Amino acid sequence: MKDIFQNKLNTYKHFKEFAIPTVEITNPSKRKIILAKSKLDKLLKKHRHRVDFNGSYIIKDKTGAGGFRIYKVDFDKFGFKEIMKQYKLDKKNKKILSFVLQPFINCDKGFVFEEYHGLIDLRVILLNHKIIQTYIRIAKKGRFKCNEHQGGNLVYMPIKIIPEDALTIIGKIIKKLDAKLNLKHSLYALDFIRSNNGNLYFIEGNTNPGIDWNHRKKINEIKSKELINIIVNELRLIIQERG
């Protein structure tokens, strides 16, 4: 599961039916970036919901997390020198970063939950195929990243608010994973966005959902303790089984 979810290109390859179209940028040269864009544009022209794509793009670290090293790109205005500078060899860590290119989806009017609206993503946390928690993240006005530490607002929601089409896709993802892997005792999260035209997209999976403990919000503490207790009880079951 880690190989499928940690690598954004693999996520797309396994879930093309409902994932965001994705291609790899094999190196940070202007030529390779243009080739990746051409390849992606061909995918977008064939996509059944091509009306959702507005001409801007997202370039992100292929194995990144937390909203880091993600850039919104307008190829008509964006300077290639800057983008190539961002993606070159990280000399300090001796690591070559690898990136993917995706279309930017208009979604600032997609999800509406109670009084919350704007650019929102939905995270669903599962254990043993069962949904145990869900929350939404709302991007700060004028930004596109929903992560809380990138300025987004995290709001826990009741499981019953999860839309039916999201539940359908979650079921299909579980079925595909179950055909390849033993998901017993597996804890993971699935993230979704909805376009302004009402189409739902699977953004990515996360094998390490993390525990949010923003002390400024009491509900975060309560929900984090709840998740910790669920994890501890699951570990207790594993120990008993291996007894």
C-alpha atoms as a PDB file:
ATOM      1  CA  MET A   1       0.000   0.000   0.000  1.00  0.00           C
ATOM      2  CA  LYS A   2       2.850   2.381   0.776  1.00  0.00           C
ATOM      3  CA  ASP A   3       4.223   1.937  -2.751  1.00  0.00           C
ATOM      4  CA  ILE A   4       0.794   2.709  -4.242  1.00  0.00           C
ATOM      5  CA  PHE A   5      -0.032   5.742  -2.101  1.00  0.00           C
ATOM      6  CA  GLN A   6       3.347   7.342  -1.406  1.00  0.00           C
ATOM      7  CA  ASN A   7       4.145   7.582  -5.123  1.00  0.00           C
ATOM      8  CA  LYS A   8       1.603   9.923  -6.773  1.00  0.00           C
ATOM      9  CA  LEU A   9       2.275   8.446 -10.221  1.00  0.00           C
ATOM     10  CA  ASN A  10       1.518   4.937  -8.933  1.00  0.00           C
ATOM     11  CA  THR A  11      -1.669   6.230  -7.314  1.00  0.00           C
ATOM     12  CA  TYR A  12      -2.875   7.458 -10.686  1.00  0.00           C
ATOM     13  CA  LYS A  13      -1.870   4.251 -12.470  1.00  0.00           C
ATOM     14  CA  HIS A  14      -3.860   2.120 -10.005  1.00  0.00           C
ATOM     15  CA  PHE A  15      -6.940   4.376  -9.869  1.00  0.00           C
ATOM     16  CA  LYS A  16      -7.160   6.070 -13.284  1.00  0.00           C
ATOM     17  CA  GLU A  17     -10.944   5.805 -13.256  1.00  0.00           C
ATOM     18  CA  PHE A  18     -11.348   8.495 -10.590  1.00  0.00           C
ATOM     19  CA  ALA A  19      -7.858   9.881  -9.834  1.00  0.00           C
ATOM     20  CA  ILE A  20      -6.498  13.181 -11.115  1.00  0.00           C
ATOM     21  CA  PRO A  21      -4.649  12.698 -14.445  1.00  0.00           C
ATOM     22  CA  THR A  22      -0.918  12.547 -13.694  1.00  0.00           C
ATOM     23  CA  VAL A  23       2.330  12.328 -15.663  1.00  0.00           C
ATOM     24  CA  GLU A  24       5.929  12.246 -14.501  1.00  0.00           C
ATOM     25  CA  ILE A  25       8.555  14.910 -15.086  1.00  0.00           C
ATOM     26  CA  THR A  26      11.668  12.766 -15.508  1.00  0.00           C
ATOM     27  CA  ASN A  27      14.115  15.612 -14.882  1.00  0.00           C
ATOM     28  CA  PRO A  28      13.883  19.376 -14.235  1.00  0.00           C
ATOM     29  CA  SER A  29      14.937  20.559 -17.690  1.00  0.00           C
ATOM     30  CA  LYS A  30      12.716  22.862 -19.708  1.00  0.00           C
ATOM     31  CA  ARG A  31      12.489  20.230 -22.474  1.00  0.00           C
ATOM     32  CA  LYS A  32      11.303  17.484 -20.117  1.00  0.00           C
ATOM     33  CA  ILE A  33       8.753  19.774 -18.480  1.00  0.00           C
ATOM     34  CA  ILE A  34       7.328  20.688 -21.896  1.00  0.00           C
ATOM     35  CA  LEU A  35       7.210  17.002 -22.904  1.00  0.00           C
ATOM     36  CA  ALA A  36       5.352  16.167 -19.685  1.00  0.00           C
ATOM     37  CA  LYS A  37       2.873  18.971 -20.348  1.00  0.00           C
ATOM     38  CA  SER A  38       2.246  17.711 -23.895  1.00  0.00           C
ATOM     39  CA  LYS A  39       1.645  14.186 -22.600  1.00  0.00           C
ATOM     40  CA  LEU A  40      -0.752  15.430 -19.934  1.00  0.00           C
ATOM     41  CA  ASP A  41      -2.635  17.668 -22.376  1.00  0.00           C
ATOM     42  CA  LYS A  42      -3.333  14.610 -24.539  1.00  0.00           C
ATOM     43  CA  LEU A  43      -4.810  12.833 -21.508  1.00  0.00           C
ATOM     44  CA  LEU A  44      -6.940  15.853 -20.655  1.00  0.00           C
ATOM     45  CA  LYS A  45      -8.393  16.137 -24.165  1.00  0.00           C
ATOM     46  CA  LYS A  46      -9.671  12.565 -23.861  1.00  0.00           C
ATOM     47  CA  HIS A  47     -10.939  12.971 -20.295  1.00  0.00           C
ATOM     48  CA  ARG A  48     -14.716  12.743 -19.866  1.00  0.00           C
ATOM     49  CA  HIS A  49     -14.640  15.759 -17.538  1.00  0.00           C
ATOM     50  CA  ARG A  50     -12.142  17.918 -19.434  1.00  0.00           C
ATOM     51  CA  VAL A  51     -14.357  20.945 -18.718  1.00  0.00           C
ATOM     52  CA  ASP A  52     -13.000  20.807 -15.126  1.00  0.00           C
ATOM     53  CA  PHE A  53      -9.469  21.767 -16.183  1.00  0.00           C
ATOM     54  CA  ASN A  54      -8.791  25.507 -16.452  1.00  0.00           C
ATOM     55  CA  GLY A  55      -5.382  25.672 -18.141  1.00  0.00           C
ATOM     56  CA  SER A  56      -3.276  25.928 -14.984  1.00  0.00           C
ATOM     57  CA  TYR A  57      -1.230  23.039 -13.637  1.00  0.00           C
ATOM     58  CA  ILE A  58       0.150  21.622 -10.411  1.00  0.00           C
ATOM     59  CA  ILE A  59       3.718  20.376 -10.132  1.00  0.00           C
ATOM     60  CA  LYS A  60       4.431  18.376  -6.988  1.00  0.00           C
ATOM     61  CA  ASP A  61       7.053  16.140  -5.431  1.00  0.00           C
ATOM     62  CA  LYS A  62       6.190  12.606  -6.583  1.00  0.00           C
ATOM     63  CA  THR A  63       6.689  11.182  -3.086  1.00  0.00           C
ATOM     64  CA  GLY A  64       6.085  14.329  -1.057  1.00  0.00           C
ATOM     65  CA  ALA A  65       3.625  14.957   1.756  1.00  0.00           C
ATOM     66  CA  GLY A  66       2.202  17.745   3.883  1.00  0.00           C
ATOM     67  CA  GLY A  67       1.699  20.175   1.016  1.00  0.00           C
ATOM     68  CA  PHE A  68       5.431  20.814   0.650  1.00  0.00           C
ATOM     69  CA  ARG A  69       7.096  21.296  -2.763  1.00  0.00           C
ATOM     70  CA  ILE A  70       3.782  21.832  -4.563  1.00  0.00           C
ATOM     71  CA  TYR A  71       3.550  24.651  -7.106  1.00  0.00           C
ATOM     72  CA  LYS A  72       0.718  26.059  -9.180  1.00  0.00           C
ATOM     73  CA  VAL A  73       1.921  26.783 -12.710  1.00  0.00           C
ATOM     74  CA  ASP A  74       0.620  28.902 -15.558  1.00  0.00           C
ATOM     75  CA  PHE A  75       2.784  27.952 -18.534  1.00  0.00           C
ATOM     76  CA  ASP A  76       1.871  31.171 -20.365  1.00  0.00           C
ATOM     77  CA  LYS A  77       3.262  33.326 -17.559  1.00  0.00           C
ATOM     78  CA  PHE A  78       5.476  31.161 -15.357  1.00  0.00           C
ATOM     79  CA  GLY A  79       9.282  31.433 -15.688  1.00  0.00           C
ATOM     80  CA  PHE A  80      10.897  28.062 -16.456  1.00  0.00           C
ATOM     81  CA  LYS A  81      14.163  29.162 -14.843  1.00  0.00           C
ATOM     82  CA  GLU A  82      12.442  29.392 -11.468  1.00  0.00           C
ATOM     83  CA  ILE A  83      10.725  26.026 -11.781  1.00  0.00           C
ATOM     84  CA  MET A  84      13.963  24.337 -12.832  1.00  0.00           C
ATOM     85  CA  LYS A  85      15.762  25.921  -9.900  1.00  0.00           C
ATOM     86  CA  GLN A  86      13.174  24.476  -7.508  1.00  0.00           C
ATOM     87  CA  TYR A  87      13.607  20.943  -8.849  1.00  0.00           C
ATOM     88  CA  LYS A  88      17.345  20.577  -9.294  1.00  0.00           C
ATOM     89  CA  LEU A  89      19.610  18.368  -7.211  1.00  0.00           C
ATOM     90  CA  ASP A  90      19.316  19.029  -3.503  1.00  0.00           C
ATOM     91  CA  LYS A  91      23.068  19.225  -2.916  1.00  0.00           C
ATOM     92  CA  LYS A  92      22.783  19.427   0.860  1.00  0.00           C
ATOM     93  CA  ASN A  93      20.836  16.152   1.185  1.00  0.00           C
ATOM     94  CA  LYS A  94      22.354  14.478  -1.874  1.00  0.00           C
ATOM     95  CA  LYS A  95      18.863  13.723  -3.122  1.00  0.00           C
ATOM     96  CA  ILE A  96      17.393  14.195  -6.581  1.00  0.00           C
ATOM     97  CA  LEU A  97      13.753  15.177  -6.334  1.00  0.00           C
ATOM     98  CA  SER A  98      11.256  13.612  -8.715  1.00  0.00           C
ATOM     99  CA  PHE A  99       8.067  15.400  -9.738  1.00  0.00           C
ATOM    100  CA  VAL A 100       4.689  14.864 -11.355  1.00  0.00           C
ATOM    101  CA  LEU A 101       2.464  17.207 -13.335  1.00  0.00           C
ATOM    102  CA  GLN A 102      -1.311  17.407 -12.844  1.00  0.00           C
ATOM    103  CA  PRO A 103      -4.076  19.731 -14.066  1.00  0.00           C
ATOM    104  CA  PHE A 104      -5.371  22.332 -11.663  1.00  0.00           C
ATOM    105  CA  ILE A 105      -9.049  21.641 -11.097  1.00  0.00           C
ATOM    106  CA  ASN A 106     -11.474  24.490 -10.455  1.00  0.00           C
ATOM    107  CA  CYS A 107     -12.903  23.481  -7.087  1.00  0.00           C
ATOM    108  CA  ASP A 108     -13.437  26.633  -5.023  1.00  0.00           C
ATOM    109  CA  LYS A 109     -17.214  26.077  -5.294  1.00  0.00           C
ATOM    110  CA  GLY A 110     -17.151  22.278  -5.273  1.00  0.00           C
ATOM    111  CA  PHE A 111     -17.680  21.045  -1.717  1.00  0.00           C
ATOM    112  CA  VAL A 112     -20.076  22.796   0.638  1.00  0.00           C
ATOM    113  CA  PHE A 113     -20.457  21.373   4.138  1.00  0.00           C
ATOM    114  CA  GLU A 114     -22.787  23.200   6.499  1.00  0.00           C
ATOM    115  CA  GLU A 115     -21.452  26.784   6.668  1.00  0.00           C
ATOM    116  CA  TYR A 116     -18.099  25.817   5.158  1.00  0.00           C
ATOM    117  CA  HIS A 117     -17.370  26.624   1.540  1.00  0.00           C
ATOM    118  CA  GLY A 118     -14.414  27.609  -0.633  1.00  0.00           C
ATOM    119  CA  LEU A 119     -11.519  25.452  -1.781  1.00  0.00           C
ATOM    120  CA  ILE A 120     -12.113  22.326   0.329  1.00  0.00           C
ATOM    121  CA  ASP A 121     -10.783  18.795   0.389  1.00  0.00           C
ATOM    122  CA  LEU A 122     -12.318  15.856   2.237  1.00  0.00           C
ATOM    123  CA  ARG A 123     -10.225  13.317   4.150  1.00  0.00           C
ATOM    124  CA  VAL A 124     -11.633   9.945   5.167  1.00  0.00           C
ATOM    125  CA  ILE A 125      -9.656   7.774   7.618  1.00  0.00           C
ATOM    126  CA  LEU A 126     -10.179   4.003   7.486  1.00  0.00           C
ATOM    127  CA  LEU A 127      -9.140   1.020   9.565  1.00  0.00           C
ATOM    128  CA  ASN A 128      -9.887  -2.511   8.393  1.00  0.00           C
ATOM    129  CA  HIS A 129     -12.049  -1.129   5.560  1.00  0.00           C
ATOM    130  CA  LYS A 130     -14.182   0.755   8.077  1.00  0.00           C
ATOM    131  CA  ILE A 131     -14.433   4.551   8.121  1.00  0.00           C
ATOM    132  CA  ILE A 132     -13.477   5.724  11.600  1.00  0.00           C
ATOM    133  CA  GLN A 133     -13.097   9.494  11.162  1.00  0.00           C
ATOM    134  CA  THR A 134     -13.530  12.206   8.572  1.00  0.00           C
ATOM    135  CA  TYR A 135     -12.709  15.871   8.329  1.00  0.00           C
ATOM    136  CA  ILE A 136     -12.559  18.669   5.799  1.00  0.00           C
ATOM    137  CA  ARG A 137      -9.751  21.147   5.203  1.00  0.00           C
ATOM    138  CA  ILE A 138     -10.492  24.611   3.848  1.00  0.00           C
ATOM    139  CA  ALA A 139      -7.726  26.530   2.091  1.00  0.00           C
ATOM    140  CA  LYS A 140      -6.983  30.049   3.241  1.00  0.00           C
ATOM    141  CA  LYS A 141      -8.528  32.679   0.963  1.00  0.00           C
ATOM    142  CA  GLY A 142      -6.296  33.279  -2.044  1.00  0.00           C
ATOM    143  CA  ARG A 143      -4.391  29.998  -1.588  1.00  0.00           C
ATOM    144  CA  PHE A 144      -4.873  26.511  -3.026  1.00  0.00           C
ATOM    145  CA  LYS A 145      -3.284  24.295  -0.346  1.00  0.00           C
ATOM    146  CA  CYS A 146      -5.709  22.900   2.215  1.00  0.00           C
ATOM    147  CA  ASN A 147      -3.160  21.459   4.684  1.00  0.00           C
ATOM    148  CA  GLU A 148      -3.563  22.939   8.164  1.00  0.00           C
ATOM    149  CA  HIS A 149       0.128  23.813   8.506  1.00  0.00           C
ATOM    150  CA  GLN A 150      -0.068  25.496   5.090  1.00  0.00           C
ATOM    151  CA  GLY A 151      -2.719  27.879   6.401  1.00  0.00           C
ATOM    152  CA  GLY A 152      -5.810  25.698   5.917  1.00  0.00           C
ATOM    153  CA  ASN A 153      -8.578  25.239   8.466  1.00  0.00           C
ATOM    154  CA  LEU A 154      -9.243  21.659   9.611  1.00  0.00           C
ATOM    155  CA  VAL A 155     -12.792  20.842  10.708  1.00  0.00           C
ATOM    156  CA  TYR A 156     -13.882  17.416  11.954  1.00  0.00           C
ATOM    157  CA  MET A 157     -17.226  16.305  10.558  1.00  0.00           C
ATOM    158  CA  PRO A 158     -19.680  13.465  11.295  1.00  0.00           C
ATOM    159  CA  ILE A 159     -19.183  10.413   9.079  1.00  0.00           C
ATOM    160  CA  LYS A 160     -22.755  10.722   7.835  1.00  0.00           C
ATOM    161  CA  ILE A 161     -21.851  13.842   5.811  1.00  0.00           C
ATOM    162  CA  ILE A 162     -19.647  11.836   3.427  1.00  0.00           C
ATOM    163  CA  PRO A 163     -21.305  12.131  -0.016  1.00  0.00           C
ATOM    164  CA  GLU A 164     -22.683   9.004  -1.678  1.00  0.00           C
ATOM    165  CA  ASP A 165     -20.371   9.301  -4.689  1.00  0.00           C
ATOM    166  CA  ALA A 166     -17.369   9.480  -2.337  1.00  0.00           C
ATOM    167  CA  LEU A 167     -18.589   6.344  -0.548  1.00  0.00           C
ATOM    168  CA  THR A 168     -18.909   4.618  -3.928  1.00  0.00           C
ATOM    169  CA  ILE A 169     -15.340   5.489  -4.901  1.00  0.00           C
ATOM    170  CA  ILE A 170     -14.061   4.483  -1.452  1.00  0.00           C
ATOM    171  CA  GLY A 171     -15.692   1.084  -1.975  1.00  0.00           C
ATOM    172  CA  LYS A 172     -13.995   0.700  -5.365  1.00  0.00           C
ATOM    173  CA  ILE A 173     -10.607   1.687  -3.924  1.00  0.00           C
ATOM    174  CA  ILE A 174     -10.992  -0.850  -1.114  1.00  0.00           C
ATOM    175  CA  LYS A 175     -11.916  -3.546  -3.626  1.00  0.00           C
ATOM    176  CA  LYS A 176      -8.872  -2.807  -5.792  1.00  0.00           C
ATOM    177  CA  LEU A 177      -6.537  -2.744  -2.799  1.00  0.00           C
ATOM    178  CA  ASP A 178      -8.040  -5.901  -1.344  1.00  0.00           C
ATOM    179  CA  ALA A 179      -7.396  -7.758  -4.591  1.00  0.00           C
ATOM    180  CA  LYS A 180      -3.663  -7.046  -4.263  1.00  0.00           C
ATOM    181  CA  LEU A 181      -2.984  -6.681  -0.549  1.00  0.00           C
ATOM    182  CA  ASN A 182      -3.907  -7.987   2.867  1.00  0.00           C
ATOM    183  CA  LEU A 183      -5.487  -4.933   4.447  1.00  0.00           C
ATOM    184  CA  LYS A 184      -6.222  -6.474   7.815  1.00  0.00           C
ATOM    185  CA  HIS A 185      -5.236  -3.982  10.543  1.00  0.00           C
ATOM    186  CA  SER A 186      -4.396  -1.356   7.908  1.00  0.00           C
ATOM    187  CA  LEU A 187      -4.847   2.304   8.843  1.00  0.00           C
ATOM    188  CA  TYR A 188      -4.928   4.773   5.953  1.00  0.00           C
ATOM    189  CA  ALA A 189      -6.608   7.934   4.678  1.00  0.00           C
ATOM    190  CA  LEU A 190      -8.172   8.876   1.341  1.00  0.00           C
ATOM    191  CA  ASP A 191      -8.451  12.482   0.126  1.00  0.00           C
ATOM    192  CA  PHE A 192     -11.039  13.878  -2.314  1.00  0.00           C
ATOM    193  CA  ILE A 193     -11.982  17.138  -4.016  1.00  0.00           C
ATOM    194  CA  ARG A 194     -15.065  18.115  -6.010  1.00  0.00           C
ATOM    195  CA  SER A 195     -14.881  20.312  -9.096  1.00  0.00           C
ATOM    196  CA  ASN A 196     -17.115  23.323  -9.577  1.00  0.00           C
ATOM    197  CA  ASN A 197     -18.988  21.194 -12.130  1.00  0.00           C
ATOM    198  CA  GLY A 198     -19.783  18.615  -9.438  1.00  0.00           C
ATOM    199  CA  ASN A 199     -17.290  15.910 -10.438  1.00  0.00           C
ATOM    200  CA  LEU A 200     -15.474  14.071  -7.649  1.00  0.00           C
ATOM    201  CA  TYR A 201     -11.745  13.282  -7.803  1.00  0.00           C
ATOM    202  CA  PHE A 202      -9.545  11.050  -5.665  1.00  0.00           C
ATOM    203  CA  ILE A 203      -6.468  13.154  -4.845  1.00  0.00           C
ATOM    204  CA  GLU A 204      -4.269  10.654  -3.010  1.00  0.00           C
ATOM    205  CA  GLY A 205      -4.014   8.059  -0.283  1.00  0.00           C
ATOM    206  CA  ASN A 206      -1.972   8.321   2.886  1.00  0.00           C
ATOM    207  CA  THR A 207      -0.578   5.369   4.847  1.00  0.00           C
ATOM    208  CA  ASN A 208       0.362   7.685   7.699  1.00  0.00           C
ATOM    209  CA  PRO A 209      -2.680   9.915   8.318  1.00  0.00           C
ATOM    210  CA  GLY A 210      -1.043  11.598  11.283  1.00  0.00           C
ATOM    211  CA  ILE A 211      -2.574  12.777  14.525  1.00  0.00           C
ATOM    212  CA  ASP A 212      -3.733  16.374  14.619  1.00  0.00           C
ATOM    213  CA  TRP A 213      -3.417  17.947  18.033  1.00  0.00           C
ATOM    214  CA  ASN A 214      -3.917  21.655  17.609  1.00  0.00           C
ATOM    215  CA  HIS A 215      -4.224  22.719  21.234  1.00  0.00           C
ATOM    216  CA  ARG A 216      -6.174  25.810  20.205  1.00  0.00           C
ATOM    217  CA  LYS A 217      -9.144  23.620  19.286  1.00  0.00           C
ATOM    218  CA  LYS A 218     -10.627  21.323  21.932  1.00  0.00           C
ATOM    219  CA  ILE A 219     -12.329  19.164  19.284  1.00  0.00           C
ATOM    220  CA  ASN A 220      -8.918  18.381  17.756  1.00  0.00           C
ATOM    221  CA  GLU A 221      -7.680  17.095  21.097  1.00  0.00           C
ATOM    222  CA  ILE A 222     -10.812  14.989  21.564  1.00  0.00           C
ATOM    223  CA  LYS A 223     -10.619  13.504  18.074  1.00  0.00           C
ATOM    224  CA  SER A 224      -6.889  12.838  18.367  1.00  0.00           C
ATOM    225  CA  LYS A 225      -7.404  10.959  21.628  1.00  0.00           C
ATOM    226  CA  GLU A 226     -10.215   9.035  19.964  1.00  0.00           C
ATOM    227  CA  LEU A 227      -7.924   8.011  17.104  1.00  0.00           C
ATOM    228  CA  ILE A 228      -5.107   7.076  19.497  1.00  0.00           C
ATOM    229  CA  ASN A 229      -7.486   4.827  21.454  1.00  0.00           C
ATOM    230  CA  ILE A 230      -8.644   3.138  18.252  1.00  0.00           C
ATOM    231  CA  ILE A 231      -5.026   2.505  17.216  1.00  0.00           C
ATOM    232  CA  VAL A 232      -4.074   1.170  20.662  1.00  0.00           C
ATOM    233  CA  ASN A 233      -7.048  -1.207  20.663  1.00  0.00           C
ATOM    234  CA  GLU A 234      -6.066  -2.440  17.209  1.00  0.00           C
ATOM    235  CA  LEU A 235      -2.490  -3.037  18.362  1.00  0.00           C
ATOM    236  CA  ARG A 236      -3.899  -5.002  21.301  1.00  0.00           C
ATOM    237  CA  LEU A 237      -5.798  -7.227  18.847  1.00  0.00           C
ATOM    238  CA  ILE A 238      -2.663  -7.786  16.780  1.00  0.00           C
ATOM    239  CA  ILE A 239      -0.713  -8.822  19.885  1.00  0.00           C
ATOM    240  CA  GLN A 240      -3.504 -11.202  20.932  1.00  0.00           C
ATOM    241  CA  GLU A 241      -3.605 -12.781  17.445  1.00  0.00           C
ATOM    242  CA  ARG A 242       0.152 -13.340  17.458  1.00  0.00           C
ATOM    243  CA  GLY A 243      -0.045 -14.380  21.096  1.00  0.00           C
END
